[in-house]
Amino acid sequence: MSHVTTHVLDAALGLPAPGIPVALSGPDGALIALAQTDADGRVKDLGPELLPAGDYRLEFQVGPYFAAAGRTSFYPRVTIDFVLSDTTAHYHVPLLLSPFAYSTYRGS
């Protein structure tokens, strides 16, 4: 399993958000992995099993998701910066999304 995983839930619809491109970047800003949310809104394979400690970034391209559904959105993308400090722990970073708001948390 990847050291970092994510999922996206469309909070306005109460459903998973499939087909959203997700990029994981490392402490130096270099791209580590690209993926896309599956039918359940999840990305289970996003980069390697182990990553060094440091600051990381997840970037979700949400504009096309809303546009494809004919929905207006304030956000073309959502960027989440987080610190990976425990190199033995799994990091799950969910995104709760709506056209005009989003939230995130450290999941399990």
Protein backbone atom coordinates (compact mmCIF):
# COMPACT_ATOMS: atom_id res chain seq x y z
CA MET A 1 0.00 0.00 0.00
CA SER A 2 1.14 3.54 -0.66
CA HIS A 3 2.47 5.54 2.28
CA VAL A 4 -0.06 8.27 1.36
CA THR A 5 -3.62 7.59 0.23
CA THR A 6 -6.68 9.79 -0.22
CA HIS A 7 -10.32 9.83 -1.11
CA VAL A 8 -12.71 12.54 -2.26
CA LEU A 9 -16.33 12.78 -1.20
CA ASP A 10 -18.71 15.20 -2.88
CA ALA A 11 -20.37 16.54 0.27
CA ALA A 12 -23.04 18.41 -1.71
CA LEU A 13 -24.26 15.16 -3.29
CA GLY A 14 -23.32 12.78 -0.49
CA LEU A 15 -21.43 10.61 -2.97
CA PRO A 16 -17.85 9.65 -3.85
CA ALA A 17 -16.18 11.88 -6.46
CA PRO A 18 -14.71 9.69 -9.23
CA GLY A 19 -12.29 10.76 -11.95
CA ILE A 20 -10.47 13.53 -10.10
CA PRO A 21 -6.75 13.76 -10.97
CA VAL A 22 -4.51 13.85 -7.87
CA ALA A 23 -0.81 14.71 -7.72
CA LEU A 24 1.55 14.02 -4.83
CA SER A 25 4.65 16.22 -4.56
CA GLY A 26 7.57 15.90 -2.17
CA PRO A 27 9.59 18.18 0.09
CA ASP A 28 11.59 19.55 -2.86
CA GLY A 29 8.41 20.19 -4.89
CA ALA A 30 9.17 17.34 -7.28
CA LEU A 31 6.26 15.25 -8.51
CA ILE A 32 6.19 11.82 -6.84
CA ALA A 33 2.98 10.35 -8.24
CA LEU A 34 -0.10 11.04 -10.35
CA ALA A 35 -3.36 9.15 -9.98
CA GLN A 36 -7.09 9.53 -10.41
CA THR A 37 -9.91 8.81 -7.97
CA ASP A 38 -11.69 5.53 -8.70
CA ALA A 39 -15.47 4.89 -8.80
CA ASP A 40 -15.48 5.00 -4.98
CA GLY A 41 -13.59 8.33 -4.96
CA ARG A 42 -10.43 6.65 -3.64
CA VAL A 43 -6.77 6.65 -4.58
CA LYS A 44 -5.17 3.59 -3.00
CA ASP A 45 -1.96 3.62 -5.03
CA LEU A 46 -0.32 7.04 -4.78
CA GLY A 47 3.42 6.69 -4.75
CA PRO A 48 5.78 4.42 -2.87
CA GLU A 49 5.23 2.38 0.30
CA LEU A 50 7.76 4.48 2.21
CA LEU A 51 8.59 8.16 2.05
CA PRO A 52 11.11 10.18 4.04
CA ALA A 53 9.88 12.68 6.62
CA GLY A 54 9.09 16.12 5.23
CA ASP A 55 6.49 18.47 3.85
CA TYR A 56 4.26 17.02 1.12
CA ARG A 57 1.51 18.35 -1.10
CA LEU A 58 -1.60 16.80 -2.59
CA GLU A 59 -3.19 18.68 -5.48
CA PHE A 60 -6.68 17.77 -6.65
CA GLN A 61 -7.87 19.04 -10.05
CA VAL A 62 -11.54 19.51 -9.15
CA GLY A 63 -12.60 22.03 -11.81
CA PRO A 64 -13.07 19.42 -14.57
CA TYR A 65 -15.09 17.20 -12.18
CA PHE A 66 -17.62 19.97 -11.58
CA ALA A 67 -17.61 21.13 -15.22
CA ALA A 68 -18.37 17.59 -16.45
CA ALA A 69 -21.46 17.55 -14.23
CA GLY A 70 -22.54 21.01 -15.42
CA ARG A 71 -21.94 22.46 -11.95
CA THR A 72 -20.28 25.79 -11.23
CA SER A 73 -17.38 25.68 -8.78
CA PHE A 74 -15.35 28.37 -7.06
CA TYR A 75 -12.25 26.14 -6.93
CA PRO A 76 -10.43 24.87 -10.03
CA ARG A 77 -8.08 22.90 -7.77
CA VAL A 78 -7.58 22.12 -4.11
CA THR A 79 -4.09 21.95 -2.63
CA ILE A 80 -3.40 20.31 0.73
CA ASP A 81 0.02 20.70 2.32
CA PHE A 82 0.85 18.33 5.17
CA VAL A 83 3.80 17.12 7.22
CA LEU A 84 4.79 13.47 7.10
CA SER A 85 6.70 13.06 10.36
CA ASP A 86 6.22 9.39 11.26
CA THR A 87 7.88 7.38 8.51
CA THR A 88 6.32 4.13 9.79
CA ALA A 89 2.70 5.37 9.85
CA HIS A 90 0.17 5.36 7.03
CA TYR A 91 -1.09 8.81 5.98
CA HIS A 92 -4.65 9.01 4.67
CA VAL A 93 -5.69 12.53 3.67
CA PRO A 94 -9.39 12.75 2.66
CA LEU A 95 -11.02 15.69 0.91
CA LEU A 96 -14.66 16.61 1.53
CA LEU A 97 -15.67 18.71 -1.44
CA SER A 98 -18.53 20.93 -2.52
CA PRO A 99 -18.67 23.61 -5.24
CA PHE A 100 -18.01 26.47 -2.80
CA ALA A 101 -16.26 24.84 0.17
CA TYR A 102 -13.94 22.03 1.12
CA SER A 103 -12.46 20.48 4.24
CA THR A 104 -9.86 17.87 5.02
CA TYR A 105 -8.49 15.92 7.97
CA ARG A 106 -5.95 13.26 8.79
CA GLY A 107 -7.81 9.99 8.32
CA SER A 108 -6.91 6.46 9.22
